[in-house]
């Protein structure tokens, strides 16, 4: 039989935080390795983007941002995100409510379908819409007969953006709503609330941070999407170029100042999105606890 002192020591060590049990050189080495990787793969590339963007001064930077093609690309990116994100917000709420509050055949199939954009290459996603709505696609002749353009036009960009951002809101809300359960909603119904009032007064306040988290991720992906949009856009300057596509065109034309100036805008959006994501992760973790 082990001595009481030995048992107490084992219990104390088991309850001690990991940083107290690991040698100092292990902790220091892991921290340095993480910081080094962070500097090499994130900080230095971002710094290089901004350095190149401002290499010729503020005037050249602002001039590159203010060109008609850049402004048109920015407007198109905001338009695509402004339509795709609300659509996925509505779908995400409906899907999360259906999956977490009802039992039905095909629930696992629905979950699998929601995850398809995660597993399919964005380029393949764009090719799917070309196959469906292109001139030689399934619906191409009918669309041409009615003078409707989807591929190589703004509707195709919106469809592609909606597809690639499809899962973000739903996939954030489903585990959150499952962990919270339906007790409060059932109590509201018992007390006489109708479905709409229950949603506004009970469900929505409980999931608000998770909902915003999904919206932030969806918006960041919509503004930065390249592969699917590149396939369906046609790369028409001033008409079907989003900001990522515009960066590629400027870079291929050796307009490095313009390319990195536009890239710096996307970098700012990415950093802001990550900051908002971190804050919402903290708030969502508080809701789940």
C-alpha atoms as a PDB file:
ATOM      1  CA  UNK A   1       0.000   0.000   0.000  1.00  0.00           C
ATOM      2  CA  UNK A   2       1.372   3.403  -0.966  1.00  0.00           C
ATOM      3  CA  UNK A   3       2.194   5.896   1.674  1.00  0.00           C
ATOM      4  CA  UNK A   4      -0.371   8.668   2.271  1.00  0.00           C
ATOM      5  CA  UNK A   5       2.237  11.273   1.439  1.00  0.00           C
ATOM      6  CA  UNK A   6       2.856   9.669  -1.941  1.00  0.00           C
ATOM      7  CA  UNK A   7      -0.869   9.625  -2.746  1.00  0.00           C
ATOM      8  CA  UNK A   8      -1.268  13.256  -1.762  1.00  0.00           C
ATOM      9  CA  UNK A   9       1.691  14.174  -3.912  1.00  0.00           C
ATOM     10  CA  UNK A  10       0.193  12.387  -6.899  1.00  0.00           C
ATOM     11  CA  UNK A  11      -3.135  14.138  -6.407  1.00  0.00           C
ATOM     12  CA  UNK A  12      -1.398  17.497  -6.101  1.00  0.00           C
ATOM     13  CA  UNK A  13       0.577  16.896  -9.297  1.00  0.00           C
ATOM     14  CA  UNK A  14      -2.506  15.719 -11.160  1.00  0.00           C
ATOM     15  CA  UNK A  15      -4.369  18.887 -10.213  1.00  0.00           C
ATOM     16  CA  UNK A  16      -1.475  21.204 -10.931  1.00  0.00           C
ATOM     17  CA  UNK A  17      -1.603  23.184 -14.187  1.00  0.00           C
ATOM     18  CA  UNK A  18       0.412  21.759 -17.040  1.00  0.00           C
ATOM     19  CA  UNK A  19       2.825  24.678 -17.015  1.00  0.00           C
ATOM     20  CA  UNK A  20       3.881  23.765 -13.444  1.00  0.00           C
ATOM     21  CA  UNK A  21       4.622  20.174 -14.358  1.00  0.00           C
ATOM     22  CA  UNK A  22       6.589  20.764 -17.571  1.00  0.00           C
ATOM     23  CA  UNK A  23      10.248  21.820 -17.316  1.00  0.00           C
ATOM     24  CA  UNK A  24      10.908  25.492 -18.030  1.00  0.00           C
ATOM     25  CA  UNK A  25      12.991  24.733 -21.106  1.00  0.00           C
ATOM     26  CA  UNK A  26      10.113  22.751 -22.650  1.00  0.00           C
ATOM     27  CA  UNK A  27       7.693  25.622 -22.088  1.00  0.00           C
ATOM     28  CA  UNK A  28      10.178  28.173 -23.410  1.00  0.00           C
ATOM     29  CA  UNK A  29      11.023  26.081 -26.462  1.00  0.00           C
ATOM     30  CA  UNK A  30       7.374  25.551 -27.400  1.00  0.00           C
ATOM     31  CA  UNK A  31       6.565  29.242 -26.961  1.00  0.00           C
ATOM     32  CA  UNK A  32       9.546  30.277 -29.069  1.00  0.00           C
ATOM     33  CA  UNK A  33       8.623  27.753 -31.772  1.00  0.00           C
ATOM     34  CA  UNK A  34       5.049  29.053 -31.883  1.00  0.00           C
ATOM     35  CA  UNK A  35       6.167  32.688 -32.017  1.00  0.00           C
ATOM     36  CA  UNK A  36       8.710  31.901 -34.723  1.00  0.00           C
ATOM     37  CA  UNK A  37       6.110  30.169 -36.887  1.00  0.00           C
ATOM     38  CA  UNK A  38       3.719  33.063 -36.293  1.00  0.00           C
ATOM     39  CA  UNK A  39       6.351  35.583 -37.357  1.00  0.00           C
ATOM     40  CA  UNK A  40       7.414  33.668 -40.474  1.00  0.00           C
ATOM     41  CA  UNK A  41       4.004  32.705 -41.832  1.00  0.00           C
ATOM     42  CA  UNK A  42       1.804  35.617 -40.706  1.00  0.00           C
ATOM     43  CA  UNK A  43       3.585  38.717 -39.403  1.00  0.00           C
ATOM     44  CA  UNK A  44       6.342  38.928 -42.025  1.00  0.00           C
ATOM     45  CA  UNK A  45       4.029  38.381 -45.043  1.00  0.00           C
ATOM     46  CA  UNK A  46       1.615  41.006 -43.741  1.00  0.00           C
ATOM     47  CA  UNK A  47       4.454  43.420 -43.095  1.00  0.00           C
ATOM     48  CA  UNK A  48       5.774  42.810 -46.622  1.00  0.00           C
ATOM     49  CA  UNK A  49       2.349  43.558 -48.107  1.00  0.00           C
ATOM     50  CA  UNK A  50       2.056  46.897 -46.311  1.00  0.00           C
ATOM     51  CA  UNK A  51       5.684  47.810 -46.978  1.00  0.00           C
ATOM     52  CA  UNK A  52       5.249  47.225 -50.699  1.00  0.00           C
ATOM     53  CA  UNK A  53       1.910  49.039 -50.707  1.00  0.00           C
ATOM     54  CA  UNK A  54       3.411  52.180 -49.163  1.00  0.00           C
ATOM     55  CA  UNK A  55       6.768  51.884 -50.909  1.00  0.00           C
ATOM     56  CA  UNK A  56       6.089  54.905 -53.132  1.00  0.00           C
ATOM     57  CA  UNK A  57       4.335  56.973 -50.507  1.00  0.00           C
ATOM     58  CA  UNK A  58       0.809  57.828 -49.426  1.00  0.00           C
ATOM     59  CA  UNK A  59      -0.068  59.671 -52.617  1.00  0.00           C
ATOM     60  CA  UNK A  60       0.642  56.695 -54.854  1.00  0.00           C
ATOM     61  CA  UNK A  61      -1.132  54.410 -52.404  1.00  0.00           C
ATOM     62  CA  UNK A  62      -4.296  56.532 -52.386  1.00  0.00           C
ATOM     63  CA  UNK A  63      -4.124  56.943 -56.151  1.00  0.00           C
ATOM     64  CA  UNK A  64      -3.985  53.161 -56.593  1.00  0.00           C
ATOM     65  CA  UNK A  65      -6.984  52.707 -54.292  1.00  0.00           C
ATOM     66  CA  UNK A  66      -9.007  55.441 -55.993  1.00  0.00           C
ATOM     67  CA  UNK A  67      -8.800  54.101 -59.561  1.00  0.00           C
ATOM     68  CA  UNK A  68     -12.192  53.368 -61.195  1.00  0.00           C
ATOM     69  CA  UNK A  69     -11.390  49.661 -61.613  1.00  0.00           C
ATOM     70  CA  UNK A  70     -10.447  49.301 -57.945  1.00  0.00           C
ATOM     71  CA  UNK A  71     -13.577  51.103 -56.774  1.00  0.00           C
ATOM     72  CA  UNK A  72     -15.720  48.956 -59.083  1.00  0.00           C
ATOM     73  CA  UNK A  73     -14.078  45.792 -57.712  1.00  0.00           C
ATOM     74  CA  UNK A  74     -14.663  46.964 -54.144  1.00  0.00           C
ATOM     75  CA  UNK A  75     -18.329  47.705 -54.865  1.00  0.00           C
ATOM     76  CA  UNK A  76     -18.810  44.292 -56.451  1.00  0.00           C
ATOM     77  CA  UNK A  77     -17.145  42.528 -53.521  1.00  0.00           C
ATOM     78  CA  UNK A  78     -19.373  44.388 -51.062  1.00  0.00           C
ATOM     79  CA  UNK A  79     -22.443  43.651 -53.191  1.00  0.00           C
ATOM     80  CA  UNK A  80     -21.690  39.924 -53.354  1.00  0.00           C
ATOM     81  CA  UNK A  81     -21.016  39.755 -49.606  1.00  0.00           C
ATOM     82  CA  UNK A  82     -24.041  41.942 -48.858  1.00  0.00           C
ATOM     83  CA  UNK A  83     -26.345  39.483 -50.628  1.00  0.00           C
ATOM     84  CA  UNK A  84     -24.635  36.166 -49.838  1.00  0.00           C
ATOM     85  CA  UNK A  85     -24.201  36.722 -46.095  1.00  0.00           C
ATOM     86  CA  UNK A  86     -27.861  37.612 -45.324  1.00  0.00           C
ATOM     87  CA  UNK A  87     -29.023  34.649 -47.422  1.00  0.00           C
ATOM     88  CA  UNK A  88     -26.760  32.315 -45.473  1.00  0.00           C
ATOM     89  CA  UNK A  89     -27.850  33.963 -42.230  1.00  0.00           C
ATOM     90  CA  UNK A  90     -31.475  33.077 -42.930  1.00  0.00           C
ATOM     91  CA  UNK A  91     -30.565  29.584 -44.101  1.00  0.00           C
ATOM     92  CA  UNK A  92     -28.230  29.017 -41.140  1.00  0.00           C
ATOM     93  CA  UNK A  93     -30.942  29.950 -38.646  1.00  0.00           C
ATOM     94  CA  UNK A  94     -33.504  27.737 -40.381  1.00  0.00           C
ATOM     95  CA  UNK A  95     -31.114  24.789 -40.695  1.00  0.00           C
ATOM     96  CA  UNK A  96     -29.877  25.038 -37.103  1.00  0.00           C
ATOM     97  CA  UNK A  97     -33.440  25.267 -35.781  1.00  0.00           C
ATOM     98  CA  UNK A  98     -34.582  22.295 -37.876  1.00  0.00           C
ATOM     99  CA  UNK A  99     -31.630  20.066 -36.970  1.00  0.00           C
ATOM    100  CA  UNK A 100     -31.518  20.845 -33.232  1.00  0.00           C
ATOM    101  CA  UNK A 101     -35.248  20.996 -32.491  1.00  0.00           C
ATOM    102  CA  UNK A 102     -36.700  18.199 -34.639  1.00  0.00           C
ATOM    103  CA  UNK A 103     -35.982  14.524 -35.239  1.00  0.00           C
ATOM    104  CA  UNK A 104     -36.609  13.411 -38.798  1.00  0.00           C
ATOM    105  CA  UNK A 105     -35.313  11.014 -41.396  1.00  0.00           C
ATOM    106  CA  UNK A 106     -32.456  12.400 -43.399  1.00  0.00           C
ATOM    107  CA  UNK A 107     -31.028  14.633 -40.672  1.00  0.00           C
ATOM    108  CA  UNK A 108     -27.531  13.225 -41.208  1.00  0.00           C
ATOM    109  CA  UNK A 109     -27.902  13.715 -44.956  1.00  0.00           C
ATOM    110  CA  UNK A 110     -28.809  17.360 -44.382  1.00  0.00           C
ATOM    111  CA  UNK A 111     -25.751  17.814 -42.159  1.00  0.00           C
ATOM    112  CA  UNK A 112     -23.577  16.255 -44.850  1.00  0.00           C
ATOM    113  CA  UNK A 113     -25.014  18.538 -47.536  1.00  0.00           C
ATOM    114  CA  UNK A 114     -24.312  21.594 -45.390  1.00  0.00           C
ATOM    115  CA  UNK A 115     -20.655  20.563 -45.175  1.00  0.00           C
ATOM    116  CA  UNK A 116     -20.186  20.041 -48.936  1.00  0.00           C
ATOM    117  CA  UNK A 117     -18.628  23.487 -49.570  1.00  0.00           C
ATOM    118  CA  UNK A 118     -15.959  22.638 -46.981  1.00  0.00           C
ATOM    119  CA  UNK A 119     -14.914  19.539 -48.893  1.00  0.00           C
ATOM    120  CA  UNK A 120     -15.242  20.733 -52.483  1.00  0.00           C
ATOM    121  CA  UNK A 121     -12.506  22.839 -54.042  1.00  0.00           C
ATOM    122  CA  UNK A 122     -13.669  26.406 -54.770  1.00  0.00           C
ATOM    123  CA  UNK A 123     -12.584  25.955 -58.387  1.00  0.00           C
ATOM    124  CA  UNK A 124     -14.830  22.910 -58.689  1.00  0.00           C
ATOM    125  CA  UNK A 125     -17.631  24.950 -57.128  1.00  0.00           C
ATOM    126  CA  UNK A 126     -17.266  27.536 -59.883  1.00  0.00           C
ATOM    127  CA  UNK A 127     -17.197  24.850 -62.561  1.00  0.00           C
ATOM    128  CA  UNK A 128     -20.482  23.479 -61.191  1.00  0.00           C
ATOM    129  CA  UNK A 129     -22.198  26.783 -61.926  1.00  0.00           C
ATOM    130  CA  UNK A 130     -20.620  26.928 -65.387  1.00  0.00           C
ATOM    131  CA  UNK A 131     -21.984  23.427 -66.029  1.00  0.00           C
ATOM    132  CA  UNK A 132     -25.444  24.507 -64.886  1.00  0.00           C
ATOM    133  CA  UNK A 133     -25.747  28.036 -66.236  1.00  0.00           C
ATOM    134  CA  UNK A 134     -23.044  28.386 -68.902  1.00  0.00           C
ATOM    135  CA  UNK A 135     -23.784  28.751 -72.599  1.00  0.00           C
ATOM    136  CA  UNK A 136     -23.413  24.985 -73.076  1.00  0.00           C
ATOM    137  CA  UNK A 137     -24.757  24.112 -69.610  1.00  0.00           C
ATOM    138  CA  UNK A 138     -27.974  22.434 -68.613  1.00  0.00           C
ATOM    139  CA  UNK A 139     -29.961  25.669 -68.404  1.00  0.00           C
ATOM    140  CA  UNK A 140     -27.800  27.646 -70.830  1.00  0.00           C
ATOM    141  CA  UNK A 141     -30.089  27.535 -73.898  1.00  0.00           C
ATOM    142  CA  UNK A 142     -33.154  28.539 -71.861  1.00  0.00           C
ATOM    143  CA  UNK A 143     -31.273  31.416 -70.208  1.00  0.00           C
ATOM    144  CA  UNK A 144     -29.951  32.599 -73.572  1.00  0.00           C
ATOM    145  CA  UNK A 145     -33.447  32.490 -75.054  1.00  0.00           C
ATOM    146  CA  UNK A 146     -34.715  34.744 -72.255  1.00  0.00           C
ATOM    147  CA  UNK A 147     -31.638  37.033 -72.380  1.00  0.00           C
ATOM    148  CA  UNK A 148     -30.581  36.126 -68.826  1.00  0.00           C
ATOM    149  CA  UNK A 149     -26.877  36.062 -67.982  1.00  0.00           C
ATOM    150  CA  UNK A 150     -25.607  34.286 -64.890  1.00  0.00           C
ATOM    151  CA  UNK A 151     -22.120  33.027 -65.707  1.00  0.00           C
ATOM    152  CA  UNK A 152     -19.604  35.797 -66.507  1.00  0.00           C
ATOM    153  CA  UNK A 153     -21.975  38.265 -64.856  1.00  0.00           C
ATOM    154  CA  UNK A 154     -22.811  39.548 -61.392  1.00  0.00           C
ATOM    155  CA  UNK A 155     -25.468  36.852 -60.617  1.00  0.00           C
ATOM    156  CA  UNK A 156     -22.872  34.117 -61.092  1.00  0.00           C
ATOM    157  CA  UNK A 157     -20.476  35.842 -58.686  1.00  0.00           C
ATOM    158  CA  UNK A 158     -23.234  36.121 -56.085  1.00  0.00           C
ATOM    159  CA  UNK A 159     -24.167  32.448 -56.528  1.00  0.00           C
ATOM    160  CA  UNK A 160     -20.544  31.316 -56.214  1.00  0.00           C
ATOM    161  CA  UNK A 161     -20.006  33.493 -53.136  1.00  0.00           C
ATOM    162  CA  UNK A 162     -23.190  32.195 -51.532  1.00  0.00           C
ATOM    163  CA  UNK A 163     -22.113  28.612 -52.155  1.00  0.00           C
ATOM    164  CA  UNK A 164     -18.649  28.892 -50.614  1.00  0.00           C
ATOM    165  CA  UNK A 165     -19.987  30.748 -47.542  1.00  0.00           C
ATOM    166  CA  UNK A 166     -22.970  28.417 -47.183  1.00  0.00           C
ATOM    167  CA  UNK A 167     -21.959  26.405 -44.072  1.00  0.00           C
ATOM    168  CA  UNK A 168     -20.474  29.039 -41.746  1.00  0.00           C
ATOM    169  CA  UNK A 169     -23.563  30.339 -39.941  1.00  0.00           C
ATOM    170  CA  UNK A 170     -25.276  26.955 -39.729  1.00  0.00           C
ATOM    171  CA  UNK A 171     -22.165  25.135 -38.525  1.00  0.00           C
ATOM    172  CA  UNK A 172     -21.638  27.674 -35.746  1.00  0.00           C
ATOM    173  CA  UNK A 173     -25.256  27.674 -34.552  1.00  0.00           C
ATOM    174  CA  UNK A 174     -25.904  23.913 -34.586  1.00  0.00           C
ATOM    175  CA  UNK A 175     -23.497  22.917 -31.769  1.00  0.00           C
ATOM    176  CA  UNK A 176     -24.379  26.069 -29.819  1.00  0.00           C
ATOM    177  CA  UNK A 177     -28.113  25.369 -29.907  1.00  0.00           C
ATOM    178  CA  UNK A 178     -27.576  21.684 -29.136  1.00  0.00           C
ATOM    179  CA  UNK A 179     -25.546  22.551 -26.036  1.00  0.00           C
ATOM    180  CA  UNK A 180     -28.147  25.044 -24.816  1.00  0.00           C
ATOM    181  CA  UNK A 181     -31.084  22.704 -25.230  1.00  0.00           C
ATOM    182  CA  UNK A 182     -34.743  23.711 -25.573  1.00  0.00           C
ATOM    183  CA  UNK A 183     -35.775  24.060 -21.918  1.00  0.00           C
ATOM    184  CA  UNK A 184     -36.107  27.849 -21.981  1.00  0.00           C
ATOM    185  CA  UNK A 185     -38.053  27.789 -25.237  1.00  0.00           C
ATOM    186  CA  UNK A 186     -40.441  25.150 -23.892  1.00  0.00           C
ATOM    187  CA  UNK A 187     -40.932  27.229 -20.751  1.00  0.00           C
ATOM    188  CA  UNK A 188     -41.770  30.275 -22.887  1.00  0.00           C
ATOM    189  CA  UNK A 189     -44.376  28.267 -24.811  1.00  0.00           C
ATOM    190  CA  UNK A 190     -45.920  27.004 -21.584  1.00  0.00           C
ATOM    191  CA  UNK A 191     -46.178  30.594 -20.345  1.00  0.00           C
ATOM    192  CA  UNK A 192     -48.163  31.524 -23.450  1.00  0.00           C
ATOM    193  CA  UNK A 193     -45.592  32.949 -25.860  1.00  0.00           C
ATOM    194  CA  UNK A 194     -46.165  32.298 -29.544  1.00  0.00           C
ATOM    195  CA  UNK A 195     -43.423  31.006 -31.810  1.00  0.00           C
ATOM    196  CA  UNK A 196     -42.282  34.421 -33.081  1.00  0.00           C
ATOM    197  CA  UNK A 197     -42.153  35.961 -29.606  1.00  0.00           C
ATOM    198  CA  UNK A 198     -40.305  32.917 -28.274  1.00  0.00           C
ATOM    199  CA  UNK A 199     -37.716  33.284 -31.039  1.00  0.00           C
ATOM    200  CA  UNK A 200     -37.202  37.018 -30.467  1.00  0.00           C
ATOM    201  CA  UNK A 201     -37.210  36.966 -26.664  1.00  0.00           C
ATOM    202  CA  UNK A 202     -35.566  33.612 -25.886  1.00  0.00           C
ATOM    203  CA  UNK A 203     -33.798  31.942 -28.802  1.00  0.00           C
ATOM    204  CA  UNK A 204     -32.194  34.955 -30.482  1.00  0.00           C
ATOM    205  CA  UNK A 205     -30.684  36.473 -27.290  1.00  0.00           C
ATOM    206  CA  UNK A 206     -29.182  33.085 -26.408  1.00  0.00           C
ATOM    207  CA  UNK A 207     -27.501  32.605 -29.783  1.00  0.00           C
ATOM    208  CA  UNK A 208     -26.676  36.219 -30.673  1.00  0.00           C
ATOM    209  CA  UNK A 209     -22.896  35.919 -30.208  1.00  0.00           C
ATOM    210  CA  UNK A 210     -22.692  32.631 -32.056  1.00  0.00           C
ATOM    211  CA  UNK A 211     -24.797  34.115 -34.843  1.00  0.00           C
ATOM    212  CA  UNK A 212     -22.488  37.124 -35.140  1.00  0.00           C
ATOM    213  CA  UNK A 213     -19.497  34.782 -35.108  1.00  0.00           C
ATOM    214  CA  UNK A 214     -20.872  32.902 -38.105  1.00  0.00           C
ATOM    215  CA  UNK A 215     -21.667  36.161 -39.887  1.00  0.00           C
ATOM    216  CA  UNK A 216     -18.099  37.440 -39.362  1.00  0.00           C
ATOM    217  CA  UNK A 217     -16.592  34.248 -40.772  1.00  0.00           C
ATOM    218  CA  UNK A 218     -19.016  34.254 -43.686  1.00  0.00           C
ATOM    219  CA  UNK A 219     -18.285  37.902 -44.499  1.00  0.00           C
ATOM    220  CA  UNK A 220     -14.523  37.411 -44.357  1.00  0.00           C
ATOM    221  CA  UNK A 221     -14.750  34.411 -46.677  1.00  0.00           C
ATOM    222  CA  UNK A 222     -17.099  36.241 -49.064  1.00  0.00           C
ATOM    223  CA  UNK A 223     -14.780  39.234 -49.408  1.00  0.00           C
ATOM    224  CA  UNK A 224     -11.671  37.098 -49.848  1.00  0.00           C
ATOM    225  CA  UNK A 225     -13.010  34.336 -52.102  1.00  0.00           C
ATOM    226  CA  UNK A 226     -10.953  33.813 -55.245  1.00  0.00           C
ATOM    227  CA  UNK A 227     -11.273  30.334 -56.770  1.00  0.00           C
ATOM    228  CA  UNK A 228     -15.011  29.957 -57.352  1.00  0.00           C
ATOM    229  CA  UNK A 229     -15.485  33.604 -58.296  1.00  0.00           C
ATOM    230  CA  UNK A 230     -12.558  33.473 -60.710  1.00  0.00           C
ATOM    231  CA  UNK A 231     -14.181  30.654 -62.684  1.00  0.00           C
ATOM    232  CA  UNK A 232     -17.597  32.320 -63.075  1.00  0.00           C
ATOM    233  CA  UNK A 233     -16.543  35.967 -63.363  1.00  0.00           C
ATOM    234  CA  UNK A 234     -14.938  36.133 -66.801  1.00  0.00           C
ATOM    235  CA  UNK A 235     -12.419  38.691 -65.464  1.00  0.00           C
ATOM    236  CA  UNK A 236     -14.124  41.681 -67.090  1.00  0.00           C
ATOM    237  CA  UNK A 237     -12.431  44.768 -65.727  1.00  0.00           C
ATOM    238  CA  UNK A 238     -14.760  47.197 -64.039  1.00  0.00           C
ATOM    239  CA  UNK A 239     -17.687  44.764 -64.290  1.00  0.00           C
ATOM    240  CA  UNK A 240     -17.028  41.278 -62.916  1.00  0.00           C
ATOM    241  CA  UNK A 241     -13.758  41.645 -61.032  1.00  0.00           C
ATOM    242  CA  UNK A 242     -13.870  41.435 -57.246  1.00  0.00           C
ATOM    243  CA  UNK A 243     -10.999  42.707 -55.108  1.00  0.00           C
ATOM    244  CA  UNK A 244      -9.046  39.391 -55.035  1.00  0.00           C
ATOM    245  CA  UNK A 245      -9.359  39.072 -58.827  1.00  0.00           C
ATOM    246  CA  UNK A 246      -8.306  42.682 -59.252  1.00  0.00           C
ATOM    247  CA  UNK A 247      -5.164  42.021 -57.210  1.00  0.00           C
ATOM    248  CA  UNK A 248      -4.241  39.175 -59.545  1.00  0.00           C
ATOM    249  CA  UNK A 249      -4.738  41.308 -62.652  1.00  0.00           C
ATOM    250  CA  UNK A 250      -2.686  44.207 -61.293  1.00  0.00           C
ATOM    251  CA  UNK A 251       0.114  41.854 -60.250  1.00  0.00           C
ATOM    252  CA  UNK A 252       0.191  40.148 -63.654  1.00  0.00           C
ATOM    253  CA  UNK A 253       0.476  43.593 -65.250  1.00  0.00           C
ATOM    254  CA  UNK A 254       3.488  44.360 -63.031  1.00  0.00           C
ATOM    255  CA  UNK A 255       1.560  47.108 -61.264  1.00  0.00           C
ATOM    256  CA  UNK A 256       2.989  46.102 -57.909  1.00  0.00           C
ATOM    257  CA  UNK A 257       2.030  49.282 -56.093  1.00  0.00           C
ATOM    258  CA  UNK A 258      -1.602  48.908 -57.118  1.00  0.00           C
ATOM    259  CA  UNK A 259      -1.668  45.177 -56.443  1.00  0.00           C
ATOM    260  CA  UNK A 260      -0.233  45.478 -52.955  1.00  0.00           C
ATOM    261  CA  UNK A 261      -2.375  48.533 -52.176  1.00  0.00           C
ATOM    262  CA  UNK A 262      -5.526  46.531 -52.888  1.00  0.00           C
ATOM    263  CA  UNK A 263      -4.044  43.530 -51.088  1.00  0.00           C
ATOM    264  CA  UNK A 264      -3.479  45.716 -48.027  1.00  0.00           C
ATOM    265  CA  UNK A 265      -7.213  46.488 -47.956  1.00  0.00           C
ATOM    266  CA  UNK A 266      -7.992  42.792 -47.912  1.00  0.00           C
ATOM    267  CA  UNK A 267      -5.358  42.306 -45.199  1.00  0.00           C
ATOM    268  CA  UNK A 268      -7.020  44.952 -43.040  1.00  0.00           C
ATOM    269  CA  UNK A 269     -10.354  43.188 -43.507  1.00  0.00           C
ATOM    270  CA  UNK A 270      -8.722  39.874 -42.535  1.00  0.00           C
ATOM    271  CA  UNK A 271      -7.118  41.301 -39.376  1.00  0.00           C
ATOM    272  CA  UNK A 272     -10.363  43.016 -38.372  1.00  0.00           C
ATOM    273  CA  UNK A 273     -12.285  39.792 -38.970  1.00  0.00           C
ATOM    274  CA  UNK A 274      -9.833  37.792 -36.856  1.00  0.00           C
ATOM    275  CA  UNK A 275     -10.090  40.332 -34.043  1.00  0.00           C
ATOM    276  CA  UNK A 276     -13.879  40.171 -34.150  1.00  0.00           C
ATOM    277  CA  UNK A 277     -13.690  36.374 -34.364  1.00  0.00           C
ATOM    278  CA  UNK A 278     -11.550  36.195 -31.227  1.00  0.00           C
ATOM    279  CA  UNK A 279     -13.932  38.422 -29.300  1.00  0.00           C
ATOM    280  CA  UNK A 280     -16.966  36.436 -30.437  1.00  0.00           C
ATOM    281  CA  UNK A 281     -15.242  33.149 -29.592  1.00  0.00           C
ATOM    282  CA  UNK A 282     -14.874  34.418 -26.041  1.00  0.00           C
ATOM    283  CA  UNK A 283     -18.520  35.503 -25.883  1.00  0.00           C
ATOM    284  CA  UNK A 284     -19.740  32.253 -27.454  1.00  0.00           C
ATOM    285  CA  UNK A 285     -17.703  30.187 -24.991  1.00  0.00           C
ATOM    286  CA  UNK A 286     -19.428  32.088 -22.199  1.00  0.00           C
ATOM    287  CA  UNK A 287     -22.823  31.187 -23.653  1.00  0.00           C
ATOM    288  CA  UNK A 288     -21.940  27.490 -23.864  1.00  0.00           C
ATOM    289  CA  UNK A 289     -20.595  27.284 -20.292  1.00  0.00           C
END
